[in-house]
Structures are given as C-alpha cells and as structure tokens.
Amino acid sequence: MEDLAGKQLGPYQIIAPLGEGGMAAVYKAFQPSMERYVALKILPRHFANDPEFVGRFKQEARVIANLQHPHILPVHDFGEADGYTYLTMRFIQGGTLSDWLKERVPLPMDKIRRVISQVGGALDYAHAQGVIHRDIKPSNILVDQWNNSLLTDFGLAKMVATSSHLTQTGGILGTPAYMSPEQGLGQKIDHRSDIYSLGVVLYQMTVGHLPYQAETPMAVVIKHIHDPLPPPRQREPNLTEAVELVILKALTKNPEDRYGSAGDLVQALEEATTTPTAVADASPAAETAVVAEPPEPTPEPAPNPIPATVVMESSATAVPAPTPAPEPSPTPPTAAPISAPPATPPKKKRRFKWRWAVAGAGLIFICFILFAIAANNQDSGADNQGDGNDSANGEIGSNIGATTNEAVDEAIQDTLNDLDLPEAAQARIAIALDAVREGDYEKAQEAFAQAVEMAPDNPDIYCERGYVLRELEMYDEAIADFEKCRELAQG
C-alpha cells in the first residue's frame, strides 16, 4: 500500500507509519477536534471497492468498538475516506510483544505470567460477547510504557472472510505459525482456536522458539495439523514440568482436550508458577490444595485469613477448631464455642452500611483530587500555591491510604467469612490483598478484575478495586467502582 504519511484522511492528519501487515497498515495520526494522537489502521483500496466487504466491515467494526476491557485496545471510530477504509484506535506509546521477544528469549516467568493473565482475561471477556479473535500472535499484543498488554486486531480476519478478493486468491485467514489445526483445515472454529494460538505464544515466550517451523507457510500449517508437539522441556531444560503440562494441554490437536476457557489457562499457569507441586489440569481437590497453602507465611494473624477460610468453607465447620473427625457435622453444635457465626445477619448489615461509608469516602477523595488538578491547571503560574496543593494532596492521600490496608483486610475477611464466593474468586482476592500489601497496585487491579468477573454482584470487591484504581490515578474508573459498590450494597 502507498505511503500515506503527511496526508489528510477524513478528520485525521496522518503523521508517520507505525507498521504494516498482510491486511492493513497502521499509522500514527493527529485528531485536531480532540487534540490527541490516535492510531489509524488503514485497509487497502480494493477492500473499499467490495460492497460485500464494506457492509461486513461496518457490522464487525461496531461489535469491536463495543468491546470494553482494560486489556483490549479501544476502537474510537471507523469509516471511509478517499477510497480507504479505516479504524481509529487509541495510540499506545510503547511496542509489541514481538519487540520483547526480539530482545530476549525466553522471557522471565513473571513477565510471561503477566502477559498470559492480561491477554487471557481479554479473550475470556471477548468470547463471552461472542467475539473470536482468530489471529492471536505477539505482533497483535501491544505493550504500553507500564508493561500492560493490550490485545488488538479483533475480528479483522473475520471481517475479510467474505471478501471476493480473498475468495478468488484463496488466501489463508490468520497467521500460519500460530494457527490452530482446525483453523488450518478450514473447519468451523470457536473460542478454543484462540486458546490454541495463545498456547503457541506461551510456548514461544517460555522456550524461545516457535513449536513448528518450515520453509513455506503451508508447510507450517500442515505441521500444526499432523506433527506431534516438540516437548518444551527438551528445548528449554530450565522449564518446570508443571508449566510444560500447561503448554501441552493448551496445544492439543483436539479442541475438546484443551482448556475450556482462556481463564482456565490463566489459572492453570498461575498455579503452575506459584505452587511447585501443582498440576496444569487441576481437579477441584488440587485447586483447593493450592488455595489452602498460604502464599507468604507471616507471624501476624490478620494478614493471611483467606487460605484457611477457603478450605474450611466447603466443610461448613469453624476455621479455628482443628477436629480429628473424618467428616465434620453440618449441624450448629460444631460452631457453638464461637460467637461470630450466629451473628452473621447483623454483621452483614453493619458491613454493608460500612461499605457505603467507604465508597463515599473514596468518592469524596477522588473529587478532591480532580478539584485540585483543575485548580492547578487554572493557576499554573503560582509555584508556591502549587506546592501547597501537592502537600495537601499527599497528606490526605496518606491518611486515607492508611485506612485502605485496614479496609482491605476487613473487607476480605468479611467477604470470605460471610459471602458464598467461588473458590476461584477467593483465590483472586487473596492475590490482590498480597499485591496491595506489597504496593503492586497493577497486579492487584488484575486480580480484583478477575474476582469481579467471577462474583459480579459482590459490592466489597468493587470498593476494594476502587481504592486500587485510585492509587493508579484512574479516577473515572475508581468513581465508577465506588458507585457500583454503593448501588449493590444498598440494593
């Protein structure tokens, strides 16, 4: 496609090329009306001359634009101008996962786990909306300056599927090196094809090589269909057996034998990299065992109440009473020595009223921050006043931050003791709590986001995530979470 740098395309001033693939070129552009840079994905002219494609493009672009997830690259606009069809997306100051892989392979396990967790969460969300990506690969995973992964190019392969040009030339949709066997065979695919492709990305990050290589793209596709998978540990001896099992399950030829969801793959990798004895395809019992082991033993009783509660919740017995009986009785006498359980209903009520206050405090603090920012912008010349505002912000932030850790502990304890949460959600909350204590708010945000997906009606999780979003200066999102917390607690 011709170089469009320096030209005007609709309302956008094209600045410079960012990259080009088989179906589109991406440019950095400026949007004067919003005073911001955007990324324009521009398709070749021959697509705009295909009425069937243009109709499908508009339909699919609307679907993609409605995907709202922190790890999916947002689509702002789409349209046609000067014979070109384009998508307008958020401009990301960073690179791609491909750039990471060029600098160092295999990647450190903490980076691998972060990428798979974020991209897997994005895929889980998209699959729930009925959208299949069809082209998962490192160049479609953007990495911003904070090392957050954003999945892009959703549905592009699906959009060109009915193009007469591709039908005539017999083009293959997708990228052969990451293509599932059923996709290479031209069969009907579902979300498990994306899971296979994500498994190939995982293989590449952990081993440092693609599983299959050949002289032609078609030969690579054939290997995905017929050849056994080269064992990852033969190529990377330092890889643990638990992680290898995760990769093997994700890359099985039969879709029925893969993980049922991208979230299952994320959870399996988390267990394989945090618990040495964990197996990739964890049964419910193994899952409980993983949760039951405290991630960081500590002499303080309060910080780690979660694992014990998780294990004991299924047996309906009191946590502190280690009884030798093989099957604890579900009747009330077991819990008789403890005064807390009988008071559960009023405790919930008090907690919810407390949560309204927490949500209100969070909203007031964020409004204060936004007011201070606005005042600072209006009076940028007054250096002394600016210093005073900063000092005030820091003092109020530290005071509320001091109560935040206590709020996290109390909310997590109350949630696990009083609410019927899935074990997977409890495990996510435990990870978030540890991350908050360590000051890793990005990790806490990810864990809370996963917990929200598993327990969307729990107000406590929204409140706790609101504080984390506040620490990340994501004020709009924090306000939305506090409002959601208050709405659920009242309702």
Protein backbone atom coordinates (compact mmCIF):
# COMPACT_ATOMS: atom_id res chain seq x y z
CA MET A 1 0.00 0.00 0.00
CA GLU A 2 1.26 3.53 -0.77
CA ASP A 3 2.82 5.66 1.96
CA LEU A 4 0.10 7.97 3.33
CA ALA A 5 2.34 9.94 5.74
CA GLY A 6 1.59 13.66 5.62
CA LYS A 7 -1.86 13.24 4.05
CA GLN A 8 -5.30 14.04 5.42
CA LEU A 9 -7.73 11.13 5.79
CA GLY A 10 -11.14 12.38 6.82
CA PRO A 11 -10.70 14.31 10.09
CA TYR A 12 -7.25 12.81 10.75
CA GLN A 13 -3.81 14.19 9.88
CA ILE A 14 -1.52 11.23 9.18
CA ILE A 15 1.87 11.68 10.85
CA ALA A 16 4.01 8.60 10.24
CA PRO A 17 3.75 4.83 9.63
CA LEU A 18 3.84 2.52 12.67
CA GLY A 19 3.78 -0.83 10.90
CA GLU A 20 2.26 -2.85 8.10
CA GLY A 21 0.82 -6.35 7.94
CA GLY A 22 -0.73 -8.57 5.34
CA MET A 23 -4.17 -6.92 5.51
CA ALA A 24 -3.59 -3.37 6.79
CA ALA A 25 -1.12 -0.59 7.51
CA VAL A 26 -1.06 1.29 10.81
CA TYR A 27 -0.23 5.00 11.06
CA LYS A 28 0.18 7.49 13.84
CA ALA A 29 -2.27 10.33 13.23
CA PHE A 30 -3.49 13.51 14.92
CA GLN A 31 -7.16 14.22 15.64
CA PRO A 32 -7.48 18.04 15.92
CA SER A 33 -11.04 18.04 17.31
CA MET A 34 -9.91 16.00 20.36
CA GLU A 35 -6.32 17.29 20.44
CA ARG A 36 -4.92 13.77 20.69
CA TYR A 37 -2.85 11.26 18.78
CA VAL A 38 -4.56 8.13 17.51
CA ALA A 39 -3.57 5.01 15.62
CA LEU A 40 -5.20 4.55 12.22
CA LYS A 41 -5.46 1.04 10.80
CA ILE A 42 -5.97 1.60 7.08
CA LEU A 43 -7.07 -1.19 4.72
CA PRO A 44 -6.08 -1.32 1.03
CA ARG A 45 -8.31 0.35 -1.58
CA HIS A 46 -9.51 -2.89 -3.15
CA PHE A 47 -11.46 -3.69 0.03
CA ALA A 48 -13.36 -0.40 -0.24
CA ASN A 49 -14.40 -1.39 -3.78
CA ASP A 50 -16.06 -4.57 -2.50
CA PRO A 51 -19.62 -3.68 -1.31
CA GLU A 52 -19.95 -7.02 0.46
CA PHE A 53 -16.82 -6.35 2.46
CA VAL A 54 -17.75 -2.75 3.30
CA GLY A 55 -21.09 -3.90 4.74
CA ARG A 56 -19.43 -6.61 6.80
CA PHE A 57 -16.69 -4.21 7.88
CA LYS A 58 -19.20 -1.78 9.34
CA GLN A 59 -21.08 -4.53 11.14
CA GLU A 60 -17.97 -6.09 12.65
CA ALA A 61 -16.37 -2.72 13.48
CA ARG A 62 -19.39 -1.83 15.61
CA VAL A 63 -19.03 -5.10 17.51
CA ILE A 64 -15.33 -4.50 18.11
CA ALA A 65 -15.90 -0.88 19.17
CA ASN A 66 -18.27 -2.14 21.89
CA LEU A 67 -15.59 -4.35 23.47
CA GLN A 68 -14.75 -2.52 26.71
CA HIS A 69 -11.94 -4.26 28.59
CA PRO A 70 -8.76 -2.84 30.17
CA HIS A 71 -6.60 -5.16 28.05
CA ILE A 72 -8.35 -4.74 24.69
CA LEU A 73 -7.16 -1.82 22.59
CA PRO A 74 -10.14 0.55 22.34
CA VAL A 75 -11.61 1.38 18.92
CA HIS A 76 -12.76 5.01 18.78
CA ASP A 77 -14.14 5.28 15.26
CA PHE A 78 -14.37 3.68 11.82
CA GLY A 79 -15.19 4.97 8.38
CA GLU A 80 -14.24 5.52 4.73
CA ALA A 81 -12.39 8.40 3.06
CA ASP A 82 -10.60 8.87 -0.28
CA GLY A 83 -11.18 5.25 -1.21
CA TYR A 84 -9.71 3.88 2.04
CA THR A 85 -11.47 2.07 4.88
CA TYR A 86 -10.03 2.68 8.33
CA LEU A 87 -10.32 2.01 12.05
CA THR A 88 -9.36 4.63 14.65
CA MET A 89 -7.79 3.26 17.83
CA ARG A 90 -6.04 4.53 20.95
CA PHE A 91 -2.41 5.40 20.30
CA ILE A 92 -0.10 3.37 22.56
CA GLN A 93 3.33 4.74 23.40
CA GLY A 94 5.29 1.52 23.55
CA GLY A 95 5.81 -1.53 21.37
CA THR A 96 4.57 -5.06 20.89
CA LEU A 97 5.26 -8.43 22.45
CA SER A 98 7.22 -9.18 19.27
CA ASP A 99 9.67 -6.46 20.28
CA TRP A 100 10.14 -8.12 23.67
CA LEU A 101 10.79 -11.47 22.02
CA LYS A 102 13.42 -9.92 19.74
CA GLU A 103 15.31 -8.55 22.72
CA ARG A 104 15.29 -11.61 24.96
CA VAL A 105 14.01 -15.18 24.91
CA PRO A 106 12.89 -16.99 26.86
CA LEU A 107 11.17 -14.25 28.86
CA PRO A 108 11.25 -14.16 32.67
CA MET A 109 8.37 -16.12 34.16
CA ASP A 110 6.86 -13.10 35.91
CA LYS A 111 6.53 -11.31 32.55
CA ILE A 112 5.11 -14.44 30.92
CA ARG A 113 2.52 -14.84 33.66
CA ARG A 114 1.56 -11.15 33.37
CA VAL A 115 1.09 -11.30 29.59
CA ILE A 116 -0.93 -14.52 29.66
CA SER A 117 -3.07 -13.26 32.55
CA GLN A 118 -3.92 -9.97 30.82
CA VAL A 119 -4.41 -11.36 27.31
CA GLY A 120 -6.28 -14.39 28.66
CA GLY A 121 -8.61 -12.09 30.59
CA ALA A 122 -9.25 -10.05 27.44
CA LEU A 123 -10.03 -13.20 25.47
CA ASP A 124 -12.36 -14.51 28.18
CA TYR A 125 -14.30 -11.25 28.02
CA ALA A 126 -14.44 -11.19 24.21
CA HIS A 127 -15.52 -14.84 23.99
CA ALA A 128 -18.34 -14.08 26.43
CA GLN A 129 -19.50 -11.41 23.97
CA GLY A 130 -19.44 -13.96 21.14
CA VAL A 131 -16.31 -12.48 19.50
CA ILE A 132 -13.45 -14.74 18.39
CA HIS A 133 -10.11 -13.12 17.60
CA ARG A 134 -8.75 -15.61 15.03
CA ASP A 135 -5.26 -14.09 14.86
CA ILE A 136 -3.58 -14.23 18.29
CA LYS A 137 0.15 -13.56 17.86
CA PRO A 138 2.85 -11.38 19.50
CA SER A 139 2.54 -8.57 16.95
CA ASN A 140 -1.15 -8.22 17.88
CA ILE A 141 -0.31 -7.81 21.57
CA LEU A 142 0.71 -4.22 22.30
CA VAL A 143 2.75 -3.41 25.42
CA ASP A 144 2.49 0.10 26.84
CA GLN A 145 5.05 2.04 28.90
CA TRP A 146 3.73 0.45 32.09
CA ASN A 147 4.19 -3.08 30.70
CA ASN A 148 0.44 -3.63 30.35
CA SER A 149 -0.62 -5.84 27.44
CA LEU A 150 -3.43 -4.79 25.11
CA LEU A 151 -4.91 -7.13 22.54
CA THR A 152 -5.63 -5.58 19.16
CA ASP A 153 -6.91 -6.55 15.68
CA PHE A 154 -10.09 -8.16 16.99
CA GLY A 155 -12.23 -9.56 14.22
CA LEU A 156 -10.11 -8.30 11.32
CA ALA A 157 -9.70 -11.78 9.88
CA LYS A 158 -13.43 -12.36 10.28
CA MET A 159 -14.17 -9.10 8.51
CA VAL A 160 -12.25 -10.08 5.39
CA ALA A 161 -13.63 -13.63 5.38
CA THR A 162 -16.31 -12.87 2.79
CA SER A 163 -14.21 -10.57 0.64
CA SER A 164 -14.41 -11.65 -3.00
CA HIS A 165 -10.74 -10.73 -3.44
CA LEU A 166 -9.63 -13.25 -0.84
CA THR A 167 -12.03 -15.86 -2.17
CA GLN A 168 -10.55 -15.55 -5.62
CA THR A 169 -6.95 -15.71 -4.45
CA GLY A 170 -7.52 -18.48 -1.90
CA GLY A 171 -5.81 -16.56 0.90
CA ILE A 172 -5.46 -18.15 4.32
CA LEU A 173 -7.05 -16.24 7.18
CA GLY A 174 -4.81 -15.95 10.19
CA THR A 175 -1.08 -16.43 10.74
CA PRO A 176 0.23 -19.96 9.98
CA ALA A 177 2.78 -20.02 12.82
CA TYR A 178 0.01 -19.52 15.42
CA MET A 179 -2.91 -21.19 13.67
CA SER A 180 -4.91 -23.98 15.30
CA PRO A 181 -5.25 -27.30 13.41
CA GLU A 182 -8.98 -26.80 12.83
CA GLN A 183 -8.33 -23.29 11.51
CA GLY A 184 -5.68 -24.63 9.13
CA LEU A 185 -8.15 -27.26 7.90
CA GLY A 186 -10.74 -24.57 7.15
CA GLN A 187 -13.18 -26.02 9.66
CA LYS A 188 -15.62 -24.04 11.76
CA ILE A 189 -13.77 -22.64 14.77
CA ASP A 190 -14.75 -21.41 18.22
CA HIS A 191 -13.03 -19.83 21.23
CA ARG A 192 -10.77 -22.86 21.66
CA SER A 193 -8.93 -21.90 18.49
CA ASP A 194 -7.88 -18.67 20.21
CA ILE A 195 -6.76 -20.72 23.23
CA TYR A 196 -4.51 -22.81 20.95
CA SER A 197 -2.98 -19.66 19.45
CA LEU A 198 -2.39 -18.23 22.93
CA GLY A 199 -0.73 -21.55 23.80
CA VAL A 200 1.66 -21.05 20.86
CA VAL A 201 2.51 -17.59 22.22
CA LEU A 202 3.11 -19.16 25.65
CA TYR A 203 5.35 -21.81 24.06
CA GLN A 204 7.36 -19.11 22.28
CA MET A 205 7.79 -16.99 25.42
CA THR A 206 8.89 -19.91 27.61
CA VAL A 207 11.01 -21.85 25.12
CA GLY A 208 12.33 -19.06 22.91
CA HIS A 209 11.23 -20.73 19.66
CA LEU A 210 8.01 -21.40 17.79
CA PRO A 211 6.88 -25.03 18.06
CA TYR A 212 6.79 -25.54 14.28
CA GLN A 213 8.99 -24.05 11.59
CA ALA A 214 9.18 -24.84 7.87
CA GLU A 215 10.18 -23.28 4.55
CA THR A 216 6.66 -22.31 3.50
CA PRO A 217 3.60 -21.09 5.42
CA MET A 218 1.53 -24.04 4.17
CA ALA A 219 4.15 -26.47 5.46
CA VAL A 220 3.86 -24.84 8.92
CA VAL A 221 0.07 -25.25 8.81
CA ILE A 222 0.45 -28.94 7.94
CA LYS A 223 2.80 -29.43 10.89
CA HIS A 224 0.24 -27.88 13.24
CA ILE A 225 -2.32 -30.33 11.89
CA HIS A 226 -0.28 -33.55 11.87
CA ASP A 227 3.09 -33.31 13.66
CA PRO A 228 3.47 -34.11 17.38
CA LEU A 229 4.30 -31.10 19.53
CA PRO A 230 8.05 -30.86 20.30
CA PRO A 231 8.24 -31.18 24.12
CA PRO A 232 9.02 -27.75 25.57
CA ARG A 233 11.46 -29.07 28.19
CA GLN A 234 13.59 -30.71 25.51
CA ARG A 235 14.25 -27.25 24.11
CA GLU A 236 14.33 -25.40 27.46
CA PRO A 237 15.54 -27.68 30.28
CA ASN A 238 15.03 -24.99 32.92
CA LEU A 239 11.28 -25.07 32.34
CA THR A 240 9.33 -26.77 35.12
CA GLU A 241 7.21 -29.83 34.47
CA ALA A 242 4.12 -28.03 35.76
CA VAL A 243 4.45 -25.24 33.17
CA GLU A 244 5.16 -27.79 30.44
CA LEU A 245 1.89 -29.55 31.28
CA VAL A 246 0.02 -26.26 30.87
CA ILE A 247 1.54 -25.76 27.42
CA LEU A 248 0.85 -29.34 26.33
CA LYS A 249 -2.82 -29.08 27.28
CA ALA A 250 -3.27 -25.73 25.51
CA LEU A 251 -1.71 -27.13 22.32
CA THR A 252 -3.53 -30.43 21.96
CA LYS A 253 -4.76 -31.14 18.41
CA ASN A 254 -8.30 -31.93 19.51
CA PRO A 255 -10.16 -28.80 20.73
CA GLU A 256 -12.12 -30.94 23.21
CA ASP A 257 -8.88 -31.72 25.07
CA ARG A 258 -7.81 -28.09 25.53
CA TYR A 259 -8.74 -25.75 28.33
CA GLY A 260 -12.42 -24.91 28.33
CA SER A 261 -11.71 -21.18 28.52
CA ALA A 262 -8.86 -18.73 28.40
CA GLY A 263 -9.48 -18.10 32.10
CA ASP A 264 -8.82 -21.78 32.82
CA LEU A 265 -5.46 -21.47 31.03
CA VAL A 266 -4.61 -18.36 33.07
CA GLN A 267 -5.48 -20.09 36.34
CA ALA A 268 -3.52 -23.21 35.43
CA LEU A 269 -0.41 -21.17 34.62
CA GLU A 270 -0.79 -19.21 37.86
CA GLU A 271 -0.91 -22.43 39.87
CA ALA A 272 1.96 -23.97 37.92
CA THR A 273 4.22 -21.00 38.60
CA THR A 274 3.30 -20.35 42.24
CA THR A 275 2.96 -23.91 43.61
CA PRO A 276 5.74 -26.36 42.63
CA THR A 277 3.52 -29.42 43.01
CA ALA A 278 0.52 -28.03 41.16
CA VAL A 279 -0.65 -29.78 38.03
CA ALA A 280 -1.79 -27.97 34.90
CA ASP A 281 -5.21 -29.59 34.67
CA ALA A 282 -6.07 -29.13 38.34
CA SER A 283 -9.01 -31.04 39.73
CA PRO A 284 -11.25 -29.30 42.31
CA ALA A 285 -9.35 -31.05 45.11
CA ALA A 286 -5.99 -29.94 43.74
CA GLU A 287 -7.39 -26.45 43.30
CA THR A 288 -8.37 -26.34 46.96
CA ALA A 289 -4.93 -27.54 47.98
CA VAL A 290 -3.30 -24.75 46.02
CA VAL A 291 -5.52 -22.13 47.64
CA ALA A 292 -5.02 -23.68 51.07
CA GLU A 293 -1.27 -23.09 51.07
CA PRO A 294 -0.58 -19.52 52.27
CA PRO A 295 1.47 -17.68 49.64
CA GLU A 296 3.61 -15.87 52.23
CA PRO A 297 3.62 -17.22 55.83
CA THR A 298 3.68 -14.47 58.42
CA PRO A 299 3.52 -14.42 62.22
CA GLU A 300 0.72 -11.84 62.18
CA PRO A 301 -2.75 -13.45 62.39
CA ALA A 302 -4.65 -10.82 60.38
CA PRO A 303 -2.79 -10.68 57.04
CA ASN A 304 -3.47 -14.27 55.99
CA PRO A 305 -7.02 -15.28 56.97
CA ILE A 306 -8.01 -16.16 53.45
CA PRO A 307 -6.48 -19.59 52.72
CA ALA A 308 -7.82 -21.27 55.87
CA THR A 309 -11.28 -19.85 55.29
CA VAL A 310 -11.27 -21.08 51.71
CA VAL A 311 -10.53 -24.63 52.72
CA MET A 312 -12.96 -24.77 55.60
CA GLU A 313 -15.83 -23.09 53.78
CA SER A 314 -16.79 -26.23 51.88
CA SER A 315 -16.95 -28.31 55.09
CA ALA A 316 -19.20 -25.81 56.95
CA THR A 317 -17.04 -26.05 60.12
CA ALA A 318 -15.44 -23.34 62.19
CA VAL A 319 -11.97 -22.33 61.00
CA PRO A 320 -10.03 -22.32 64.27
CA ALA A 321 -11.21 -25.74 65.55
CA PRO A 322 -8.88 -28.47 64.20
CA THR A 323 -11.07 -31.52 64.80
CA PRO A 324 -9.84 -35.05 64.03
CA ALA A 325 -13.28 -36.21 62.94
CA PRO A 326 -13.19 -37.51 59.33
CA GLU A 327 -16.49 -35.86 58.34
CA PRO A 328 -17.43 -32.67 60.21
CA SER A 329 -21.10 -32.48 61.10
CA PRO A 330 -23.01 -29.69 59.30
CA THR A 331 -25.13 -29.11 62.41
CA PRO A 332 -24.75 -25.96 64.58
CA PRO A 333 -23.09 -27.64 67.64
CA THR A 334 -19.68 -27.62 65.88
CA ALA A 335 -19.70 -23.83 65.75
CA ALA A 336 -21.16 -23.42 69.25
CA PRO A 337 -17.93 -22.30 71.00
CA ILE A 338 -17.53 -19.41 68.56
CA SER A 339 -19.71 -16.37 68.92
CA ALA A 340 -19.13 -14.80 65.50
CA PRO A 341 -21.12 -17.15 63.16
CA PRO A 342 -24.54 -16.81 64.92
CA ALA A 343 -24.26 -13.03 64.47
CA THR A 344 -23.87 -13.27 60.69
CA PRO A 345 -27.04 -11.38 59.56
CA PRO A 346 -26.40 -8.22 61.62
CA LYS A 347 -22.72 -8.40 60.70
CA LYS A 348 -23.58 -8.30 57.00
CA LYS A 349 -25.87 -5.36 57.59
CA ARG A 350 -23.23 -3.45 59.52
CA ARG A 351 -20.64 -4.27 56.91
CA PHE A 352 -22.77 -3.02 54.04
CA LYS A 353 -23.51 0.22 55.85
CA TRP A 354 -19.78 0.49 56.45
CA ARG A 355 -19.14 -0.14 52.79
CA TRP A 356 -21.41 2.78 51.83
CA ALA A 357 -19.22 4.99 54.01
CA VAL A 358 -16.07 3.55 52.40
CA ALA A 359 -17.46 4.18 48.93
CA GLY A 360 -18.48 7.71 49.93
CA ALA A 361 -15.01 8.41 51.32
CA GLY A 362 -13.47 7.15 48.12
CA LEU A 363 -15.70 9.38 46.00
CA ILE A 364 -15.00 12.43 48.17
CA PHE A 365 -11.25 11.85 47.95
CA ILE A 366 -11.28 11.48 44.19
CA CYS A 367 -13.44 14.59 43.78
CA PHE A 368 -10.88 16.44 45.90
CA ILE A 369 -8.08 15.20 43.65
CA LEU A 370 -9.91 16.26 40.48
CA PHE A 371 -10.69 19.67 42.01
CA ALA A 372 -7.03 20.15 42.94
CA ILE A 373 -5.95 19.21 39.42
CA ALA A 374 -8.40 21.68 37.90
CA ALA A 375 -7.27 24.45 40.26
CA ASN A 376 -3.65 23.70 39.48
CA ASN A 377 -4.32 23.93 35.73
CA GLN A 378 -6.03 27.31 36.15
CA ASP A 379 -3.23 28.75 38.28
CA SER A 380 -0.13 27.07 36.87
CA GLY A 381 1.95 30.20 37.34
CA ALA A 382 1.68 30.24 41.11
CA ASP A 383 4.51 27.93 42.17
CA ASN A 384 4.04 28.40 45.89
CA GLN A 385 0.34 27.56 45.68
CA GLY A 386 1.15 24.57 43.56
CA ASP A 387 3.50 23.28 46.22
CA GLY A 388 0.81 23.75 48.83
CA ASN A 389 -1.70 21.75 46.80
CA ASP A 390 0.79 18.96 46.37
CA SER A 391 1.43 18.88 50.09
CA ALA A 392 -2.27 18.77 50.85
CA ASN A 393 -2.84 16.01 48.36
CA GLY A 394 -0.03 13.97 49.83
CA GLU A 395 -1.30 14.36 53.40
CA ILE A 396 -4.90 13.42 52.59
CA GLY A 397 -3.74 10.58 50.35
CA SER A 398 -1.56 9.16 53.11
CA ASN A 399 -4.35 9.40 55.70
CA ILE A 400 -6.86 7.59 53.51
CA GLY A 401 -4.16 5.20 52.37
CA ALA A 402 -3.54 4.29 55.98
CA THR A 403 -7.14 3.18 56.34
CA THR A 404 -7.05 1.45 52.96
CA ASN A 405 -4.98 -1.51 54.17
CA GLU A 406 -7.31 -1.97 57.14
CA ALA A 407 -10.29 -1.71 54.80
CA VAL A 408 -8.79 -4.32 52.53
CA ASP A 409 -8.17 -6.72 55.40
CA GLU A 410 -11.62 -6.25 56.91
CA ALA A 411 -13.42 -6.42 53.58
CA ILE A 412 -11.59 -9.55 52.51
CA GLN A 413 -12.14 -11.20 55.90
CA ASP A 414 -15.85 -10.32 55.90
CA THR A 415 -16.29 -11.40 52.29
CA LEU A 416 -14.73 -14.80 52.78
CA ASN A 417 -16.47 -15.44 56.11
CA ASP A 418 -19.95 -14.24 55.19
CA LEU A 419 -20.41 -14.48 51.42
CA ASP A 420 -20.83 -17.55 49.28
CA LEU A 421 -18.00 -16.89 46.81
CA PRO A 422 -16.49 -19.37 44.36
CA GLU A 423 -13.11 -20.68 45.46
CA ALA A 424 -11.51 -19.21 42.34
CA ALA A 425 -12.78 -15.74 43.32
CA GLN A 426 -11.42 -16.19 46.84
CA ALA A 427 -8.02 -17.07 45.39
CA ARG A 428 -8.05 -13.92 43.23
CA ILE A 429 -8.90 -11.79 46.28
CA ALA A 430 -6.02 -13.37 48.20
CA ILE A 431 -3.61 -12.49 45.41
CA ALA A 432 -4.99 -8.93 45.25
CA LEU A 433 -4.60 -8.49 49.01
CA ASP A 434 -0.96 -9.61 48.93
CA ALA A 435 -0.30 -7.31 45.97
CA VAL A 436 -1.79 -4.32 47.84
CA ARG A 437 0.44 -5.01 50.83
CA GLU A 438 3.46 -5.15 48.51
CA GLY A 439 2.43 -1.93 46.76
CA ASP A 440 1.93 -3.69 43.39
CA TYR A 441 -1.35 -2.00 42.50
CA GLU A 442 -1.30 -3.12 38.88
CA LYS A 443 -1.21 -6.75 39.94
CA ALA A 444 -3.94 -6.04 42.50
CA GLN A 445 -6.08 -4.43 39.81
CA GLU A 446 -5.75 -7.50 37.60
CA ALA A 447 -6.66 -9.87 40.43
CA PHE A 448 -9.67 -7.77 41.50
CA ALA A 449 -10.83 -7.57 37.87
CA GLN A 450 -10.79 -11.37 37.68
CA ALA A 451 -12.63 -11.59 41.02
CA VAL A 452 -15.28 -9.17 39.72
CA GLU A 453 -15.85 -11.40 36.69
CA MET A 454 -16.31 -14.41 38.99
CA ALA A 455 -18.53 -12.58 41.54
CA PRO A 456 -20.06 -9.55 39.76
CA ASP A 457 -22.68 -8.94 42.48
CA ASN A 458 -20.25 -8.56 45.40
CA PRO A 459 -20.05 -4.88 46.48
CA ASP A 460 -16.92 -5.36 48.58
CA ILE A 461 -14.78 -6.28 45.61
CA TYR A 462 -15.81 -3.12 43.74
CA CYS A 463 -14.94 -0.92 46.73
CA GLU A 464 -11.53 -2.51 47.19
CA ARG A 465 -10.76 -2.25 43.48
CA GLY A 466 -11.84 1.40 43.63
CA TYR A 467 -9.01 2.13 46.06
CA VAL A 468 -6.53 0.33 43.84
CA LEU A 469 -7.71 2.29 40.79
CA ARG A 470 -7.35 5.47 42.85
CA GLU A 471 -3.71 4.61 43.57
CA LEU A 472 -3.19 4.11 39.82
CA GLU A 473 -4.74 7.57 39.22
CA MET A 474 -7.55 6.01 37.18
CA TYR A 475 -10.11 8.31 38.77
CA ASP A 476 -13.03 7.81 36.38
CA GLU A 477 -12.82 4.04 36.77
CA ALA A 478 -12.44 4.37 40.56
CA ILE A 479 -15.55 6.56 40.81
CA ALA A 480 -17.50 4.01 38.76
CA ASP A 481 -16.41 1.22 41.10
CA PHE A 482 -17.35 3.16 44.25
CA GLU A 483 -20.75 3.94 42.76
CA LYS A 484 -21.23 0.27 41.87
CA CYS A 485 -20.23 -0.74 45.40
CA ARG A 486 -22.79 1.60 46.94
CA GLU A 487 -25.50 0.54 44.47
CA LEU A 488 -25.01 -3.18 45.19
CA ALA A 489 -24.75 -2.68 48.95
CA GLN A 490 -27.97 -0.65 49.07
CA GLY A 491 -29.84 -2.98 46.72
